[in-house]
Amino acid sequence: MPSVRVNDVQLAYEEAGAGRPVLLVHGFPLDHSMWAPVAAALASNCRLIMPDLRGYGGSTLRDADADDGVPMTQYAD
């Protein structure tokens, strides 16, 4: 699964299709795989980007050396 580093977290994501990008964000406490049926139906019409939000699926919660929690403002950002 591909991933990208954003500040203090490694975010995993899946992509499918081509064309106009559409971001599919999963709900709590799931991961990108919840979008599999939708991706199968839409991938022929657009480029789907399905991230695992921090702490879910293949994404890390924070750097391993951080011992504090993650503030809600970071989730929102």
N, C-alpha and C. Protein backbone atom coordinates (compact mmCIF):
# COMPACT_ATOMS: atom_id res chain seq x y z
N MET A 1 0.85 -1.16 0.00
CA MET A 1 0.00 0.00 0.00
C MET A 1 0.91 1.24 0.00
N PRO A 2 0.68 2.17 -0.90
CA PRO A 2 1.49 3.39 -0.91
C PRO A 2 1.19 4.25 0.31
N SER A 3 2.15 5.11 0.66
CA SER A 3 1.94 6.03 1.77
C SER A 3 2.73 7.30 1.52
N VAL A 4 2.38 8.33 2.27
CA VAL A 4 3.04 9.63 2.17
C VAL A 4 3.25 10.16 3.59
N ARG A 5 4.38 10.81 3.81
CA ARG A 5 4.67 11.39 5.13
C ARG A 5 4.06 12.78 5.19
N VAL A 6 3.24 13.03 6.22
CA VAL A 6 2.64 14.34 6.46
C VAL A 6 2.93 14.72 7.90
N ASN A 7 3.81 15.70 8.09
CA ASN A 7 4.24 16.13 9.42
C ASN A 7 4.74 14.94 10.22
N ASP A 8 4.03 14.52 11.26
CA ASP A 8 4.52 13.46 12.15
C ASP A 8 3.84 12.11 11.94
N VAL A 9 3.23 11.93 10.78
CA VAL A 9 2.49 10.68 10.56
C VAL A 9 2.72 10.18 9.14
N GLN A 10 2.74 8.85 9.00
CA GLN A 10 2.82 8.21 7.69
C GLN A 10 1.41 7.81 7.30
N LEU A 11 0.86 8.43 6.26
CA LEU A 11 -0.51 8.16 5.83
C LEU A 11 -0.53 7.19 4.65
N ALA A 12 -1.19 6.07 4.84
CA ALA A 12 -1.36 5.08 3.78
C ALA A 12 -2.61 5.44 2.98
N TYR A 13 -2.63 5.06 1.72
CA TYR A 13 -3.78 5.34 0.87
C TYR A 13 -3.85 4.36 -0.29
N GLU A 14 -5.02 4.27 -0.87
CA GLU A 14 -5.22 3.49 -2.09
C GLU A 14 -5.77 4.44 -3.14
N GLU A 15 -5.45 4.18 -4.39
CA GLU A 15 -5.98 4.94 -5.51
C GLU A 15 -6.60 3.97 -6.51
N ALA A 16 -7.60 4.46 -7.21
CA ALA A 16 -8.22 3.65 -8.26
C ALA A 16 -8.78 4.59 -9.31
N GLY A 17 -8.78 4.16 -10.56
CA GLY A 17 -9.38 4.93 -11.63
C GLY A 17 -8.51 6.06 -12.14
N ALA A 18 -9.11 6.89 -12.99
CA ALA A 18 -8.41 8.03 -13.60
C ALA A 18 -9.44 9.11 -13.89
N GLY A 19 -8.95 10.33 -13.99
CA GLY A 19 -9.83 11.45 -14.28
C GLY A 19 -9.94 12.40 -13.11
N ARG A 20 -11.08 13.02 -12.97
CA ARG A 20 -11.31 13.99 -11.89
C ARG A 20 -11.15 13.30 -10.54
N PRO A 21 -10.31 13.87 -9.64
CA PRO A 21 -10.09 13.22 -8.34
C PRO A 21 -11.27 13.36 -7.39
N VAL A 22 -11.53 12.30 -6.67
CA VAL A 22 -12.56 12.27 -5.63
C VAL A 22 -11.92 11.65 -4.39
N LEU A 23 -11.98 12.37 -3.27
CA LEU A 23 -11.43 11.89 -2.01
C LEU A 23 -12.53 11.20 -1.21
N LEU A 24 -12.30 9.95 -0.85
CA LEU A 24 -13.25 9.19 -0.04
C LEU A 24 -12.65 9.00 1.35
N VAL A 25 -13.26 9.60 2.37
CA VAL A 25 -12.75 9.56 3.74
C VAL A 25 -13.61 8.61 4.57
N HIS A 26 -12.96 7.64 5.18
CA HIS A 26 -13.68 6.64 5.97
C HIS A 26 -14.14 7.20 7.31
N GLY A 27 -15.11 6.52 7.90
CA GLY A 27 -15.62 6.90 9.21
C GLY A 27 -14.91 6.13 10.32
N PHE A 28 -15.21 6.50 11.55
CA PHE A 28 -14.67 5.84 12.73
C PHE A 28 -15.41 4.53 12.95
N PRO A 29 -14.76 3.48 13.27
CA PRO A 29 -13.35 3.15 13.42
C PRO A 29 -12.87 2.29 12.25
N LEU A 30 -13.19 2.66 11.05
CA LEU A 30 -12.91 1.85 9.86
C LEU A 30 -11.62 2.29 9.19
N ASP A 31 -11.36 1.77 7.98
CA ASP A 31 -10.23 2.20 7.16
C ASP A 31 -10.69 2.30 5.71
N HIS A 32 -9.76 2.53 4.81
CA HIS A 32 -10.11 2.77 3.39
C HIS A 32 -10.91 1.62 2.77
N SER A 33 -10.77 0.42 3.31
CA SER A 33 -11.42 -0.74 2.68
C SER A 33 -12.94 -0.65 2.71
N MET A 34 -13.51 0.21 3.55
CA MET A 34 -14.97 0.35 3.56
C MET A 34 -15.49 0.84 2.22
N TRP A 35 -14.60 1.47 1.43
CA TRP A 35 -15.00 2.04 0.14
C TRP A 35 -14.90 1.05 -1.03
N ALA A 36 -14.51 -0.18 -0.80
CA ALA A 36 -14.32 -1.14 -1.89
C ALA A 36 -15.52 -1.25 -2.82
N PRO A 37 -16.75 -1.40 -2.34
CA PRO A 37 -17.89 -1.50 -3.27
C PRO A 37 -18.10 -0.20 -4.07
N VAL A 38 -17.89 0.93 -3.43
CA VAL A 38 -18.04 2.22 -4.11
C VAL A 38 -16.95 2.37 -5.16
N ALA A 39 -15.72 2.01 -4.80
CA ALA A 39 -14.59 2.12 -5.73
C ALA A 39 -14.83 1.27 -6.97
N ALA A 40 -15.36 0.09 -6.79
CA ALA A 40 -15.64 -0.78 -7.94
C ALA A 40 -16.63 -0.14 -8.89
N ALA A 41 -17.58 0.59 -8.35
CA ALA A 41 -18.61 1.23 -9.19
C ALA A 41 -18.14 2.54 -9.82
N LEU A 42 -17.25 3.29 -9.15
CA LEU A 42 -16.89 4.63 -9.62
C LEU A 42 -15.56 4.74 -10.33
N ALA A 43 -14.69 3.76 -10.21
CA ALA A 43 -13.33 3.88 -10.74
C ALA A 43 -13.29 4.09 -12.25
N SER A 44 -14.31 3.70 -12.96
CA SER A 44 -14.31 3.91 -14.41
C SER A 44 -14.65 5.35 -14.78
N ASN A 45 -15.09 6.16 -13.81
CA ASN A 45 -15.51 7.53 -14.09
C ASN A 45 -14.63 8.60 -13.48
N CYS A 46 -13.79 8.24 -12.49
CA CYS A 46 -12.99 9.26 -11.80
C CYS A 46 -11.80 8.60 -11.10
N ARG A 47 -10.91 9.45 -10.62
CA ARG A 47 -9.75 8.98 -9.84
C ARG A 47 -10.14 9.02 -8.37
N LEU A 48 -10.13 7.88 -7.72
CA LEU A 48 -10.51 7.78 -6.32
C LEU A 48 -9.26 7.75 -5.45
N ILE A 49 -9.25 8.55 -4.41
CA ILE A 49 -8.17 8.57 -3.43
C ILE A 49 -8.80 8.20 -2.10
N MET A 50 -8.33 7.10 -1.51
CA MET A 50 -8.94 6.56 -0.28
C MET A 50 -7.86 6.41 0.79
N PRO A 51 -7.69 7.43 1.64
CA PRO A 51 -6.66 7.35 2.67
C PRO A 51 -7.12 6.56 3.89
N ASP A 52 -6.13 6.06 4.63
CA ASP A 52 -6.37 5.57 5.98
C ASP A 52 -6.02 6.74 6.89
N LEU A 53 -6.97 7.25 7.63
CA LEU A 53 -6.70 8.37 8.53
C LEU A 53 -5.73 7.94 9.62
N ARG A 54 -5.07 8.90 10.23
CA ARG A 54 -4.02 8.59 11.20
C ARG A 54 -4.53 7.66 12.31
N GLY A 55 -3.74 6.60 12.53
CA GLY A 55 -4.09 5.61 13.54
C GLY A 55 -4.99 4.49 13.06
N TYR A 56 -5.38 4.50 11.79
CA TYR A 56 -6.27 3.46 11.25
C TYR A 56 -5.62 2.80 10.05
N GLY A 57 -5.97 1.53 9.81
CA GLY A 57 -5.45 0.81 8.66
C GLY A 57 -3.93 0.83 8.64
N GLY A 58 -3.36 1.26 7.52
CA GLY A 58 -1.91 1.28 7.37
C GLY A 58 -1.25 2.58 7.79
N SER A 59 -1.99 3.52 8.36
CA SER A 59 -1.42 4.81 8.77
C SER A 59 -1.01 4.79 10.23
N THR A 60 0.09 5.50 10.52
CA THR A 60 0.55 5.57 11.90
C THR A 60 -0.24 6.64 12.66
N LEU A 61 -0.28 6.51 13.97
CA LEU A 61 -0.95 7.50 14.81
C LEU A 61 -0.08 8.73 14.99
N ARG A 62 1.20 8.51 15.24
CA ARG A 62 2.17 9.60 15.44
C ARG A 62 3.56 8.99 15.40
N ASP A 63 4.58 9.86 15.47
CA ASP A 63 5.96 9.36 15.53
C ASP A 63 6.12 8.43 16.71
N ALA A 64 6.94 7.43 16.57
CA ALA A 64 7.15 6.44 17.63
C ALA A 64 7.71 7.07 18.89
N ASP A 65 8.46 8.18 18.76
CA ASP A 65 9.06 8.78 19.94
C ASP A 65 8.15 9.78 20.64
N ALA A 66 6.96 10.02 20.11
CA ALA A 66 6.02 10.94 20.76
C ALA A 66 5.28 10.18 21.86
N ASP A 67 5.25 10.74 23.06
CA ASP A 67 4.60 10.05 24.16
C ASP A 67 3.29 10.70 24.59
N ASP A 68 2.90 11.75 23.90
CA ASP A 68 1.64 12.41 24.24
C ASP A 68 0.55 12.00 23.25
N GLY A 69 -0.67 12.36 23.53
CA GLY A 69 -1.78 12.05 22.64
C GLY A 69 -1.77 12.94 21.41
N VAL A 70 -2.75 12.76 20.58
CA VAL A 70 -2.89 13.57 19.37
C VAL A 70 -4.03 14.53 19.58
N PRO A 71 -3.76 15.86 19.56
CA PRO A 71 -4.83 16.83 19.77
C PRO A 71 -5.85 16.80 18.63
N MET A 72 -7.08 17.09 18.95
CA MET A 72 -8.15 17.11 17.95
C MET A 72 -7.83 18.09 16.82
N THR A 73 -7.13 19.17 17.13
CA THR A 73 -6.78 20.15 16.08
C THR A 73 -5.90 19.52 15.01
N GLN A 74 -5.03 18.57 15.39
CA GLN A 74 -4.21 17.90 14.39
C GLN A 74 -5.07 17.00 13.51
N TYR A 75 -6.04 16.31 14.09
CA TYR A 75 -6.95 15.51 13.28
C TYR A 75 -7.68 16.40 12.29
N ALA A 76 -8.14 17.54 12.75
CA ALA A 76 -8.89 18.45 11.89
C ALA A 76 -8.03 19.01 10.78
N ASP A 77 -6.77 19.34 11.10
CA ASP A 77 -5.87 19.86 10.07
C ASP A 77 -5.64 18.82 9.01
